[in-house]
Amino acid sequence: MSDIFSTLEQQASYGVGRQMGEQLAANPFEGIDISAVQAGLADAFEGKESAVSMEDLQVAFTEISRRLQEAQEAAADAASAEGEAFLAENAKRDGVVVTDSGLQYEVLVQGEGEKPTHESTVRTHYHGTFINGDVFDSSVTRGQPAEFPVSGVIAGWTEALQLMPVGTKLKLCVPHHLAYGERGAGASIPPFSTLVFEVELLDII
């Protein structure tokens, strides 16, 4: 790459373009045309008159925004329905406890230590997946336990941790309203996602 863009100015310019590309890739719309993006960027930078009228641009932006909104709503509805179906089936399994809030848990290892309170800070190992088994976060994979206040995590965790004596390991199935809800969490967790965790309480700090 340095042979193509050898000067600092070229490298910085490439970096600007790459950052813009990453932003577009993170929030694409169906049918996006990178050559048209490049043309629009070049025309604006060079002060050329727009090749598309402002009226047509406004119509295009409005329509694309509408399509994106419809796609997001459809994806959210599907995620919510899939989560509800998963939880309904999981609740039938032997050993699964369903709390009043809708949290589902299964004891994998029963510890005998102290239970944390809402004000405690804890050290845990956890492995988090979506209902299809795809991993979205795992302290186990990183090989580094996580420390955090009991009150500083998703509601499903806050509830579950206070049920766990030190040394306990639970499998949690967390409905979206006890997880990240209708907003999701950045690009990693979509809205209305039901989440599955294996959580081991290592210590109260």
N, C-alpha and C. Protein backbone atom coordinates (compact mmCIF):
# COMPACT_ATOMS: atom_id res chain seq x y z
N MET A 1 0.83 -1.20 0.00
CA MET A 1 0.00 0.00 0.00
C MET A 1 0.86 1.25 0.00
N SER A 2 1.97 1.22 0.73
CA SER A 2 2.83 2.40 0.79
C SER A 2 3.47 2.69 -0.56
N ASP A 3 3.59 1.67 -1.44
CA ASP A 3 4.13 1.90 -2.78
C ASP A 3 3.14 2.68 -3.64
N ILE A 4 1.84 2.54 -3.36
CA ILE A 4 0.82 3.24 -4.13
C ILE A 4 0.63 4.66 -3.60
N PHE A 5 0.53 4.77 -2.28
CA PHE A 5 0.34 6.06 -1.64
C PHE A 5 1.57 6.33 -0.77
N SER A 6 2.57 6.93 -1.37
CA SER A 6 3.88 7.02 -0.73
C SER A 6 4.06 8.27 0.13
N THR A 7 3.31 9.35 -0.15
CA THR A 7 3.50 10.57 0.62
C THR A 7 2.52 10.63 1.79
N LEU A 8 2.84 11.45 2.77
CA LEU A 8 1.94 11.62 3.91
C LEU A 8 0.59 12.14 3.46
N GLU A 9 0.60 13.06 2.50
CA GLU A 9 -0.65 13.64 2.01
C GLU A 9 -1.52 12.58 1.34
N GLN A 10 -0.89 11.71 0.54
CA GLN A 10 -1.64 10.64 -0.11
C GLN A 10 -2.20 9.66 0.91
N GLN A 11 -1.39 9.32 1.88
CA GLN A 11 -1.82 8.37 2.90
C GLN A 11 -2.97 8.94 3.74
N ALA A 12 -2.86 10.23 4.10
CA ALA A 12 -3.94 10.86 4.86
C ALA A 12 -5.21 10.95 4.02
N SER A 13 -5.05 11.27 2.73
CA SER A 13 -6.21 11.36 1.84
C SER A 13 -6.88 10.00 1.70
N TYR A 14 -6.08 8.96 1.56
CA TYR A 14 -6.63 7.61 1.49
C TYR A 14 -7.38 7.28 2.79
N GLY A 15 -6.80 7.69 3.91
CA GLY A 15 -7.45 7.43 5.20
C GLY A 15 -8.81 8.09 5.31
N VAL A 16 -8.91 9.33 4.80
CA VAL A 16 -10.20 10.02 4.81
C VAL A 16 -11.23 9.23 4.00
N GLY A 17 -10.83 8.80 2.80
CA GLY A 17 -11.73 8.02 1.96
C GLY A 17 -12.12 6.71 2.60
N ARG A 18 -11.16 6.07 3.25
CA ARG A 18 -11.45 4.79 3.88
C ARG A 18 -12.43 4.95 5.05
N GLN A 19 -12.25 6.01 5.83
CA GLN A 19 -13.18 6.26 6.94
C GLN A 19 -14.60 6.48 6.42
N MET A 20 -14.71 7.23 5.33
CA MET A 20 -16.03 7.45 4.74
C MET A 20 -16.63 6.13 4.25
N GLY A 21 -15.78 5.29 3.65
CA GLY A 21 -16.25 3.99 3.17
C GLY A 21 -16.71 3.09 4.29
N GLU A 22 -15.99 3.12 5.42
CA GLU A 22 -16.38 2.30 6.57
C GLU A 22 -17.71 2.76 7.14
N GLN A 23 -17.93 4.09 7.15
CA GLN A 23 -19.21 4.61 7.63
C GLN A 23 -20.36 4.16 6.72
N LEU A 24 -20.12 4.20 5.41
CA LEU A 24 -21.14 3.75 4.47
C LEU A 24 -21.40 2.25 4.61
N ALA A 25 -20.33 1.48 4.79
CA ALA A 25 -20.47 0.03 4.92
C ALA A 25 -21.23 -0.35 6.18
N ALA A 26 -21.09 0.47 7.23
CA ALA A 26 -21.79 0.19 8.49
C ALA A 26 -23.27 0.50 8.40
N ASN A 27 -23.65 1.41 7.49
CA ASN A 27 -25.05 1.80 7.33
C ASN A 27 -25.42 1.87 5.85
N PRO A 28 -25.33 0.74 5.16
CA PRO A 28 -25.60 0.77 3.71
C PRO A 28 -27.10 0.74 3.43
N PHE A 29 -27.46 1.09 2.22
CA PHE A 29 -28.83 0.85 1.77
C PHE A 29 -28.76 -0.03 0.53
N GLU A 30 -29.82 -0.80 0.30
CA GLU A 30 -29.83 -1.73 -0.83
C GLU A 30 -29.67 -0.97 -2.14
N GLY A 31 -28.71 -1.39 -2.95
CA GLY A 31 -28.50 -0.79 -4.25
C GLY A 31 -27.53 0.37 -4.25
N ILE A 32 -26.85 0.62 -3.14
CA ILE A 32 -25.90 1.73 -3.10
C ILE A 32 -24.84 1.55 -4.20
N ASP A 33 -24.53 2.62 -4.89
CA ASP A 33 -23.63 2.60 -6.05
C ASP A 33 -22.37 3.37 -5.70
N ILE A 34 -21.27 2.63 -5.48
CA ILE A 34 -20.05 3.28 -5.01
C ILE A 34 -19.48 4.22 -6.06
N SER A 35 -19.69 3.92 -7.34
CA SER A 35 -19.18 4.82 -8.38
C SER A 35 -19.92 6.16 -8.34
N ALA A 36 -21.22 6.13 -8.04
CA ALA A 36 -21.98 7.37 -7.90
C ALA A 36 -21.54 8.13 -6.65
N VAL A 37 -21.23 7.39 -5.59
CA VAL A 37 -20.70 8.04 -4.38
C VAL A 37 -19.39 8.76 -4.70
N GLN A 38 -18.50 8.07 -5.41
CA GLN A 38 -17.22 8.67 -5.78
C GLN A 38 -17.42 9.91 -6.65
N ALA A 39 -18.38 9.85 -7.59
CA ALA A 39 -18.64 10.98 -8.47
C ALA A 39 -19.17 12.17 -7.68
N GLY A 40 -20.08 11.91 -6.75
CA GLY A 40 -20.63 12.98 -5.93
C GLY A 40 -19.56 13.62 -5.06
N LEU A 41 -18.68 12.80 -4.50
CA LEU A 41 -17.58 13.31 -3.68
C LEU A 41 -16.65 14.19 -4.51
N ALA A 42 -16.29 13.70 -5.68
CA ALA A 42 -15.38 14.46 -6.55
C ALA A 42 -16.00 15.77 -7.01
N ASP A 43 -17.27 15.73 -7.41
CA ASP A 43 -17.94 16.94 -7.88
C ASP A 43 -18.02 17.99 -6.77
N ALA A 44 -18.37 17.55 -5.57
CA ALA A 44 -18.48 18.50 -4.46
C ALA A 44 -17.12 19.09 -4.11
N PHE A 45 -16.10 18.25 -4.10
CA PHE A 45 -14.76 18.72 -3.75
C PHE A 45 -14.24 19.72 -4.78
N GLU A 46 -14.56 19.46 -6.04
CA GLU A 46 -14.06 20.32 -7.12
C GLU A 46 -14.98 21.52 -7.39
N GLY A 47 -16.07 21.63 -6.65
CA GLY A 47 -16.97 22.76 -6.81
C GLY A 47 -17.83 22.71 -8.05
N LYS A 48 -18.03 21.53 -8.61
CA LYS A 48 -18.85 21.39 -9.81
C LYS A 48 -20.33 21.43 -9.46
N GLU A 49 -21.13 21.81 -10.43
CA GLU A 49 -22.57 21.79 -10.25
C GLU A 49 -23.05 20.35 -10.08
N SER A 50 -24.04 20.16 -9.22
CA SER A 50 -24.55 18.82 -8.97
C SER A 50 -25.13 18.20 -10.23
N ALA A 51 -24.81 16.94 -10.47
CA ALA A 51 -25.34 16.23 -11.63
C ALA A 51 -26.79 15.81 -11.42
N VAL A 52 -27.27 15.92 -10.19
CA VAL A 52 -28.66 15.58 -9.86
C VAL A 52 -29.29 16.80 -9.20
N SER A 53 -30.48 17.17 -9.62
CA SER A 53 -31.14 18.35 -9.06
C SER A 53 -31.44 18.17 -7.58
N MET A 54 -31.56 19.26 -6.86
CA MET A 54 -31.88 19.20 -5.44
C MET A 54 -33.24 18.54 -5.21
N GLU A 55 -34.17 18.80 -6.12
CA GLU A 55 -35.50 18.18 -6.00
C GLU A 55 -35.41 16.66 -6.11
N ASP A 56 -34.63 16.19 -7.09
CA ASP A 56 -34.48 14.74 -7.27
C ASP A 56 -33.71 14.12 -6.11
N LEU A 57 -32.72 14.85 -5.60
CA LEU A 57 -31.98 14.35 -4.44
C LEU A 57 -32.90 14.18 -3.24
N GLN A 58 -33.76 15.16 -3.02
CA GLN A 58 -34.67 15.10 -1.88
C GLN A 58 -35.64 13.93 -2.01
N VAL A 59 -36.16 13.73 -3.22
CA VAL A 59 -37.05 12.59 -3.46
C VAL A 59 -36.33 11.28 -3.20
N ALA A 60 -35.09 11.18 -3.69
CA ALA A 60 -34.31 9.94 -3.51
C ALA A 60 -34.02 9.69 -2.04
N PHE A 61 -33.58 10.73 -1.31
CA PHE A 61 -33.28 10.56 0.11
C PHE A 61 -34.53 10.15 0.89
N THR A 62 -35.65 10.76 0.58
CA THR A 62 -36.89 10.44 1.29
C THR A 62 -37.31 8.99 1.05
N GLU A 63 -37.21 8.54 -0.20
CA GLU A 63 -37.61 7.18 -0.53
C GLU A 63 -36.67 6.15 0.10
N ILE A 64 -35.37 6.41 0.03
CA ILE A 64 -34.41 5.48 0.63
C ILE A 64 -34.61 5.41 2.14
N SER A 65 -34.86 6.56 2.76
CA SER A 65 -35.11 6.59 4.20
C SER A 65 -36.35 5.77 4.55
N ARG A 66 -37.39 5.87 3.73
CA ARG A 66 -38.61 5.10 3.96
C ARG A 66 -38.34 3.61 3.86
N ARG A 67 -37.57 3.22 2.85
CA ARG A 67 -37.24 1.80 2.68
C ARG A 67 -36.43 1.27 3.86
N LEU A 68 -35.46 2.06 4.31
CA LEU A 68 -34.64 1.65 5.45
C LEU A 68 -35.49 1.48 6.69
N GLN A 69 -36.42 2.41 6.91
CA GLN A 69 -37.30 2.33 8.07
C GLN A 69 -38.16 1.08 8.01
N GLU A 70 -38.70 0.78 6.84
CA GLU A 70 -39.52 -0.43 6.69
C GLU A 70 -38.71 -1.68 6.95
N ALA A 71 -37.48 -1.72 6.43
CA ALA A 71 -36.62 -2.88 6.63
C ALA A 71 -36.27 -3.06 8.10
N GLN A 72 -35.99 -1.96 8.79
CA GLN A 72 -35.66 -2.04 10.21
C GLN A 72 -36.85 -2.52 11.02
N GLU A 73 -38.04 -2.03 10.69
CA GLU A 73 -39.24 -2.45 11.41
C GLU A 73 -39.54 -3.93 11.17
N ALA A 74 -39.35 -4.38 9.94
CA ALA A 74 -39.58 -5.80 9.63
C ALA A 74 -38.59 -6.68 10.37
N ALA A 75 -37.33 -6.26 10.42
CA ALA A 75 -36.31 -7.03 11.13
C ALA A 75 -36.60 -7.07 12.62
N ALA A 76 -37.05 -5.95 13.18
CA ALA A 76 -37.38 -5.90 14.60
C ALA A 76 -38.57 -6.80 14.91
N ASP A 77 -39.59 -6.77 14.07
CA ASP A 77 -40.76 -7.64 14.27
C ASP A 77 -40.37 -9.11 14.22
N ALA A 78 -39.50 -9.45 13.27
CA ALA A 78 -39.06 -10.84 13.14
C ALA A 78 -38.25 -11.27 14.36
N ALA A 79 -37.34 -10.40 14.82
CA ALA A 79 -36.52 -10.72 15.98
C ALA A 79 -37.37 -10.91 17.22
N SER A 80 -38.37 -10.05 17.39
CA SER A 80 -39.26 -10.15 18.54
C SER A 80 -40.05 -11.46 18.51
N ALA A 81 -40.59 -11.81 17.35
CA ALA A 81 -41.38 -13.04 17.22
C ALA A 81 -40.51 -14.28 17.43
N GLU A 82 -39.31 -14.27 16.85
CA GLU A 82 -38.40 -15.40 17.01
C GLU A 82 -38.00 -15.57 18.48
N GLY A 83 -37.76 -14.46 19.15
CA GLY A 83 -37.39 -14.51 20.56
C GLY A 83 -38.51 -15.08 21.41
N GLU A 84 -39.74 -14.64 21.16
CA GLU A 84 -40.88 -15.13 21.92
C GLU A 84 -41.08 -16.63 21.71
N ALA A 85 -40.93 -17.09 20.48
CA ALA A 85 -41.08 -18.52 20.19
C ALA A 85 -39.98 -19.33 20.87
N PHE A 86 -38.76 -18.81 20.84
CA PHE A 86 -37.64 -19.50 21.49
C PHE A 86 -37.88 -19.62 22.99
N LEU A 87 -38.29 -18.53 23.62
CA LEU A 87 -38.51 -18.54 25.06
C LEU A 87 -39.66 -19.47 25.44
N ALA A 88 -40.70 -19.51 24.63
CA ALA A 88 -41.84 -20.39 24.91
C ALA A 88 -41.41 -21.85 24.91
N GLU A 89 -40.57 -22.23 23.96
CA GLU A 89 -40.08 -23.61 23.90
C GLU A 89 -39.09 -23.89 25.02
N ASN A 90 -38.19 -22.94 25.27
CA ASN A 90 -37.18 -23.14 26.31
C ASN A 90 -37.81 -23.31 27.69
N ALA A 91 -38.91 -22.61 27.93
CA ALA A 91 -39.57 -22.68 29.23
C ALA A 91 -40.11 -24.08 29.53
N LYS A 92 -40.30 -24.90 28.51
CA LYS A 92 -40.82 -26.25 28.69
C LYS A 92 -39.74 -27.25 29.11
N ARG A 93 -38.48 -26.85 29.01
CA ARG A 93 -37.39 -27.78 29.29
C ARG A 93 -37.27 -28.03 30.79
N ASP A 94 -36.91 -29.27 31.14
CA ASP A 94 -36.69 -29.62 32.54
C ASP A 94 -35.55 -28.77 33.12
N GLY A 95 -35.77 -28.28 34.31
CA GLY A 95 -34.72 -27.52 35.00
C GLY A 95 -34.73 -26.04 34.73
N VAL A 96 -35.58 -25.59 33.81
CA VAL A 96 -35.64 -24.16 33.49
C VAL A 96 -36.63 -23.47 34.43
N VAL A 97 -36.16 -22.42 35.07
CA VAL A 97 -36.99 -21.61 35.96
C VAL A 97 -37.34 -20.31 35.26
N VAL A 98 -38.60 -19.92 35.30
CA VAL A 98 -39.05 -18.66 34.72
C VAL A 98 -39.47 -17.74 35.86
N THR A 99 -38.84 -16.59 35.97
CA THR A 99 -39.16 -15.64 37.04
C THR A 99 -40.34 -14.76 36.64
N ASP A 100 -40.82 -13.98 37.60
CA ASP A 100 -41.97 -13.10 37.33
C ASP A 100 -41.68 -12.09 36.23
N SER A 101 -40.43 -11.70 36.08
CA SER A 101 -40.06 -10.71 35.07
C SER A 101 -40.01 -11.29 33.66
N GLY A 102 -39.94 -12.63 33.58
CA GLY A 102 -39.79 -13.29 32.29
C GLY A 102 -38.41 -13.84 32.06
N LEU A 103 -37.47 -13.55 32.96
CA LEU A 103 -36.13 -14.12 32.87
C LEU A 103 -36.21 -15.64 33.02
N GLN A 104 -35.44 -16.35 32.20
CA GLN A 104 -35.35 -17.81 32.31
C GLN A 104 -33.92 -18.20 32.68
N TYR A 105 -33.80 -19.12 33.64
CA TYR A 105 -32.46 -19.57 34.01
C TYR A 105 -32.46 -21.05 34.33
N GLU A 106 -31.29 -21.62 34.18
CA GLU A 106 -31.05 -23.04 34.46
C GLU A 106 -29.74 -23.15 35.23
N VAL A 107 -29.74 -23.86 36.33
CA VAL A 107 -28.54 -24.01 37.15
C VAL A 107 -27.64 -25.08 36.53
N LEU A 108 -26.45 -24.67 36.12
CA LEU A 108 -25.45 -25.60 35.58
C LEU A 108 -24.51 -26.08 36.68
N VAL A 109 -24.12 -25.17 37.56
CA VAL A 109 -23.29 -25.50 38.72
C VAL A 109 -23.84 -24.70 39.90
N GLN A 110 -24.10 -25.38 41.01
CA GLN A 110 -24.63 -24.69 42.19
C GLN A 110 -23.50 -24.35 43.14
N GLY A 111 -23.26 -23.08 43.35
CA GLY A 111 -22.24 -22.64 44.30
C GLY A 111 -22.79 -22.57 45.71
N GLU A 112 -21.88 -22.36 46.65
CA GLU A 112 -22.28 -22.31 48.06
C GLU A 112 -21.77 -21.06 48.76
N GLY A 113 -21.29 -20.09 48.00
CA GLY A 113 -20.75 -18.88 48.60
C GLY A 113 -21.83 -17.84 48.88
N GLU A 114 -21.36 -16.63 49.15
CA GLU A 114 -22.24 -15.51 49.44
C GLU A 114 -22.94 -15.04 48.17
N LYS A 115 -24.15 -14.51 48.32
CA LYS A 115 -24.86 -13.92 47.19
C LYS A 115 -24.58 -12.41 47.13
N PRO A 116 -24.36 -11.87 45.95
CA PRO A 116 -24.20 -10.42 45.84
C PRO A 116 -25.52 -9.70 46.04
N THR A 117 -25.42 -8.42 46.35
CA THR A 117 -26.60 -7.56 46.46
C THR A 117 -26.61 -6.59 45.28
N HIS A 118 -27.63 -5.78 45.22
CA HIS A 118 -27.75 -4.77 44.17
C HIS A 118 -26.57 -3.80 44.19
N GLU A 119 -25.97 -3.60 45.37
CA GLU A 119 -24.87 -2.65 45.51
C GLU A 119 -23.50 -3.30 45.31
N SER A 120 -23.43 -4.61 45.10
CA SER A 120 -22.15 -5.31 44.99
C SER A 120 -21.47 -5.07 43.65
N THR A 121 -20.17 -5.30 43.64
CA THR A 121 -19.39 -5.41 42.41
C THR A 121 -18.90 -6.84 42.32
N VAL A 122 -18.99 -7.43 41.14
CA VAL A 122 -18.70 -8.86 41.01
C VAL A 122 -17.66 -9.12 39.92
N ARG A 123 -17.07 -10.30 40.00
CA ARG A 123 -16.18 -10.79 38.95
C ARG A 123 -16.83 -12.03 38.35
N THR A 124 -16.98 -12.05 37.04
CA THR A 124 -17.67 -13.15 36.38
C THR A 124 -16.91 -13.61 35.13
N HIS A 125 -17.24 -14.81 34.71
CA HIS A 125 -16.95 -15.27 33.36
C HIS A 125 -18.30 -15.47 32.67
N TYR A 126 -18.37 -15.12 31.40
CA TYR A 126 -19.64 -15.26 30.68
C TYR A 126 -19.38 -15.56 29.21
N HIS A 127 -20.38 -16.15 28.59
CA HIS A 127 -20.35 -16.47 27.17
C HIS A 127 -21.72 -16.12 26.62
N GLY A 128 -21.79 -15.11 25.75
CA GLY A 128 -23.08 -14.61 25.26
C GLY A 128 -23.32 -14.95 23.81
N THR A 129 -24.51 -15.47 23.52
CA THR A 129 -24.88 -15.81 22.14
C THR A 129 -26.28 -15.31 21.83
N PHE A 130 -26.57 -15.23 20.53
CA PHE A 130 -27.94 -15.04 20.08
C PHE A 130 -28.65 -16.39 20.13
N ILE A 131 -29.96 -16.41 19.88
CA ILE A 131 -30.70 -17.66 19.98
C ILE A 131 -30.30 -18.65 18.88
N ASN A 132 -29.63 -18.18 17.83
CA ASN A 132 -29.15 -19.09 16.78
C ASN A 132 -27.77 -19.65 17.09
N GLY A 133 -27.20 -19.28 18.24
CA GLY A 133 -25.91 -19.80 18.65
C GLY A 133 -24.71 -18.94 18.29
N ASP A 134 -24.93 -17.90 17.49
CA ASP A 134 -23.81 -17.01 17.13
C ASP A 134 -23.34 -16.24 18.36
N VAL A 135 -22.03 -16.22 18.57
CA VAL A 135 -21.45 -15.54 19.73
C VAL A 135 -21.33 -14.05 19.45
N PHE A 136 -21.76 -13.22 20.41
CA PHE A 136 -21.57 -11.77 20.27
C PHE A 136 -20.59 -11.22 21.29
N ASP A 137 -20.34 -11.94 22.38
CA ASP A 137 -19.38 -11.48 23.38
C ASP A 137 -19.06 -12.63 24.31
N SER A 138 -17.79 -12.71 24.74
CA SER A 138 -17.40 -13.82 25.61
C SER A 138 -16.12 -13.50 26.36
N SER A 139 -16.23 -13.38 27.67
CA SER A 139 -15.02 -13.23 28.48
C SER A 139 -14.24 -14.54 28.50
N VAL A 140 -14.95 -15.65 28.32
CA VAL A 140 -14.29 -16.96 28.28
C VAL A 140 -13.34 -17.04 27.10
N THR A 141 -13.81 -16.60 25.93
CA THR A 141 -12.97 -16.60 24.74
C THR A 141 -11.78 -15.68 24.91
N ARG A 142 -12.00 -14.52 25.53
CA ARG A 142 -10.90 -13.58 25.77
C ARG A 142 -9.94 -14.08 26.82
N GLY A 143 -10.42 -14.99 27.68
CA GLY A 143 -9.56 -15.49 28.75
C GLY A 143 -9.36 -14.50 29.87
N GLN A 144 -10.30 -13.55 30.02
CA GLN A 144 -10.17 -12.50 31.02
C GLN A 144 -11.52 -12.27 31.69
N PRO A 145 -11.66 -12.60 32.99
CA PRO A 145 -12.94 -12.36 33.67
C PRO A 145 -13.33 -10.88 33.62
N ALA A 146 -14.62 -10.64 33.72
CA ALA A 146 -15.15 -9.28 33.68
C ALA A 146 -15.61 -8.85 35.07
N GLU A 147 -15.34 -7.60 35.41
CA GLU A 147 -15.75 -7.04 36.69
C GLU A 147 -16.69 -5.87 36.44
N PHE A 148 -17.79 -5.82 37.20
CA PHE A 148 -18.74 -4.72 37.03
C PHE A 148 -19.70 -4.69 38.21
N PRO A 149 -20.34 -3.54 38.45
CA PRO A 149 -21.36 -3.47 39.50
C PRO A 149 -22.62 -4.22 39.08
N VAL A 150 -23.25 -4.86 40.04
CA VAL A 150 -24.48 -5.61 39.76
C VAL A 150 -25.55 -4.69 39.16
N SER A 151 -25.56 -3.44 39.60
CA SER A 151 -26.57 -2.49 39.12
C SER A 151 -26.20 -1.86 37.79
N GLY A 152 -25.02 -2.19 37.25
CA GLY A 152 -24.55 -1.52 36.04
C GLY A 152 -24.64 -2.34 34.78
N VAL A 153 -25.44 -3.40 34.79
CA VAL A 153 -25.57 -4.29 33.63
C VAL A 153 -27.03 -4.35 33.20
N ILE A 154 -27.32 -5.15 32.19
CA ILE A 154 -28.71 -5.28 31.74
C ILE A 154 -29.58 -5.85 32.87
N ALA A 155 -30.86 -5.55 32.82
CA ALA A 155 -31.77 -5.91 33.90
C ALA A 155 -31.80 -7.41 34.17
N GLY A 156 -31.71 -8.21 33.11
CA GLY A 156 -31.71 -9.66 33.28
C GLY A 156 -30.52 -10.15 34.08
N TRP A 157 -29.37 -9.54 33.86
CA TRP A 157 -28.18 -9.88 34.63
C TRP A 157 -28.31 -9.40 36.07
N THR A 158 -28.78 -8.18 36.26
CA THR A 158 -28.93 -7.65 37.62
C THR A 158 -29.81 -8.57 38.46
N GLU A 159 -30.88 -9.05 37.87
CA GLU A 159 -31.76 -9.98 38.58
C GLU A 159 -31.07 -11.31 38.85
N ALA A 160 -30.45 -11.87 37.82
CA ALA A 160 -29.85 -13.20 37.95
C ALA A 160 -28.70 -13.23 38.95
N LEU A 161 -27.84 -12.22 38.90
CA LEU A 161 -26.67 -12.22 39.78
C LEU A 161 -27.05 -12.27 41.25
N GLN A 162 -28.16 -11.64 41.60
CA GLN A 162 -28.58 -11.63 43.00
C GLN A 162 -29.18 -12.96 43.45
N LEU A 163 -29.38 -13.87 42.50
CA LEU A 163 -29.85 -15.22 42.81
C LEU A 163 -28.70 -16.21 42.94
N MET A 164 -27.47 -15.76 42.67
CA MET A 164 -26.33 -16.67 42.49
C MET A 164 -25.34 -16.59 43.66
N PRO A 165 -25.24 -17.65 44.47
CA PRO A 165 -24.12 -17.72 45.39
C PRO A 165 -22.80 -17.80 44.61
N VAL A 166 -21.73 -17.28 45.16
CA VAL A 166 -20.42 -17.37 44.51
C VAL A 166 -20.12 -18.83 44.18
N GLY A 167 -19.63 -19.06 42.97
CA GLY A 167 -19.35 -20.42 42.50
C GLY A 167 -20.45 -20.98 41.62
N THR A 168 -21.58 -20.28 41.55
CA THR A 168 -22.71 -20.74 40.73
C THR A 168 -22.48 -20.41 39.26
N LYS A 169 -22.95 -21.30 38.41
CA LYS A 169 -22.95 -21.05 36.97
C LYS A 169 -24.37 -21.27 36.46
N LEU A 170 -24.93 -20.25 35.81
CA LEU A 170 -26.27 -20.33 35.27
C LEU A 170 -26.26 -20.19 33.76
N LYS A 171 -27.26 -20.80 33.13
CA LYS A 171 -27.58 -20.49 31.74
C LYS A 171 -28.79 -19.58 31.77
N LEU A 172 -28.64 -18.39 31.19
CA LEU A 172 -29.71 -17.41 31.18
C LEU A 172 -30.29 -17.26 29.78
N CYS A 173 -31.59 -17.17 29.68
CA CYS A 173 -32.26 -16.76 28.45
C CYS A 173 -32.98 -15.47 28.78
N VAL A 174 -32.51 -14.39 28.18
CA VAL A 174 -32.92 -13.04 28.57
C VAL A 174 -33.82 -12.43 27.50
N PRO A 175 -35.11 -12.21 27.81
CA PRO A 175 -36.00 -11.55 26.85
C PRO A 175 -35.48 -10.15 26.52
N HIS A 176 -35.88 -9.65 25.37
CA HIS A 176 -35.34 -8.36 24.93
C HIS A 176 -35.63 -7.24 25.91
N HIS A 177 -36.78 -7.30 26.62
CA HIS A 177 -37.11 -6.20 27.53
C HIS A 177 -36.24 -6.21 28.78
N LEU A 178 -35.51 -7.30 29.01
CA LEU A 178 -34.55 -7.36 30.12
C LEU A 178 -33.11 -7.28 29.61
N ALA A 179 -32.97 -7.07 28.30
CA ALA A 179 -31.64 -6.96 27.69
C ALA A 179 -31.47 -5.55 27.12
N TYR A 180 -31.38 -5.44 25.79
CA TYR A 180 -31.13 -4.13 25.18
C TYR A 180 -32.36 -3.56 24.47
N GLY A 181 -33.50 -4.25 24.61
CA GLY A 181 -34.77 -3.71 24.20
C GLY A 181 -34.89 -3.32 22.75
N GLU A 182 -35.67 -2.28 22.52
CA GLU A 182 -35.98 -1.85 21.16
C GLU A 182 -34.85 -1.08 20.50
N ARG A 183 -33.84 -0.71 21.27
CA ARG A 183 -32.73 0.07 20.71
C ARG A 183 -31.56 -0.82 20.29
N GLY A 184 -31.42 -1.99 20.92
CA GLY A 184 -30.25 -2.81 20.64
C GLY A 184 -29.01 -2.20 21.27
N ALA A 185 -27.86 -2.67 20.84
CA ALA A 185 -26.59 -2.16 21.36
C ALA A 185 -25.61 -2.00 20.21
N GLY A 186 -25.58 -0.81 19.64
CA GLY A 186 -24.68 -0.53 18.53
C GLY A 186 -24.93 -1.45 17.36
N ALA A 187 -23.83 -1.81 16.69
CA ALA A 187 -23.95 -2.69 15.53
C ALA A 187 -23.94 -4.17 15.93
N SER A 188 -23.58 -4.47 17.19
CA SER A 188 -23.37 -5.86 17.57
C SER A 188 -24.64 -6.58 18.00
N ILE A 189 -25.61 -5.86 18.57
CA ILE A 189 -26.83 -6.50 19.05
C ILE A 189 -28.04 -5.77 18.47
N PRO A 190 -28.76 -6.39 17.55
CA PRO A 190 -29.92 -5.73 16.92
C PRO A 190 -31.05 -5.49 17.92
N PRO A 191 -31.96 -4.56 17.61
CA PRO A 191 -33.12 -4.34 18.46
C PRO A 191 -33.96 -5.60 18.65
N PHE A 192 -34.59 -5.70 19.81
CA PHE A 192 -35.52 -6.78 20.16
C PHE A 192 -34.84 -8.16 20.19
N SER A 193 -33.55 -8.20 20.47
CA SER A 193 -32.83 -9.48 20.50
C SER A 193 -33.00 -10.18 21.85
N THR A 194 -33.44 -11.43 21.81
CA THR A 194 -33.37 -12.31 22.97
C THR A 194 -31.96 -12.87 23.05
N LEU A 195 -31.36 -12.83 24.23
CA LEU A 195 -29.96 -13.21 24.39
C LEU A 195 -29.82 -14.41 25.31
N VAL A 196 -28.79 -15.22 25.06
CA VAL A 196 -28.50 -16.41 25.86
C VAL A 196 -27.10 -16.26 26.44
N PHE A 197 -26.98 -16.49 27.73
CA PHE A 197 -25.68 -16.38 28.40
C PHE A 197 -25.43 -17.61 29.26
N GLU A 198 -24.18 -18.02 29.34
CA GLU A 198 -23.71 -18.84 30.44
C GLU A 198 -22.87 -17.93 31.31
N VAL A 199 -23.27 -17.79 32.57
CA VAL A 199 -22.63 -16.86 33.50
C VAL A 199 -22.14 -17.61 34.72
N GLU A 200 -20.87 -17.42 35.05
CA GLU A 200 -20.29 -18.01 36.25
C GLU A 200 -19.88 -16.88 37.19
N LEU A 201 -20.39 -16.90 38.41
CA LEU A 201 -20.03 -15.89 39.41
C LEU A 201 -18.77 -16.35 40.14
N LEU A 202 -17.67 -15.68 39.87
CA LEU A 202 -16.38 -16.06 40.42
C LEU A 202 -16.15 -15.49 41.81
N ASP A 203 -16.56 -14.23 42.01
CA ASP A 203 -16.24 -13.58 43.28
C ASP A 203 -17.07 -12.31 43.44
N ILE A 204 -17.23 -11.89 44.68
CA ILE A 204 -17.76 -10.57 45.01
C ILE A 204 -16.57 -9.73 45.44
N ILE A 205 -16.37 -8.61 44.80
CA ILE A 205 -15.17 -7.80 45.03
C ILE A 205 -15.41 -6.82 46.18
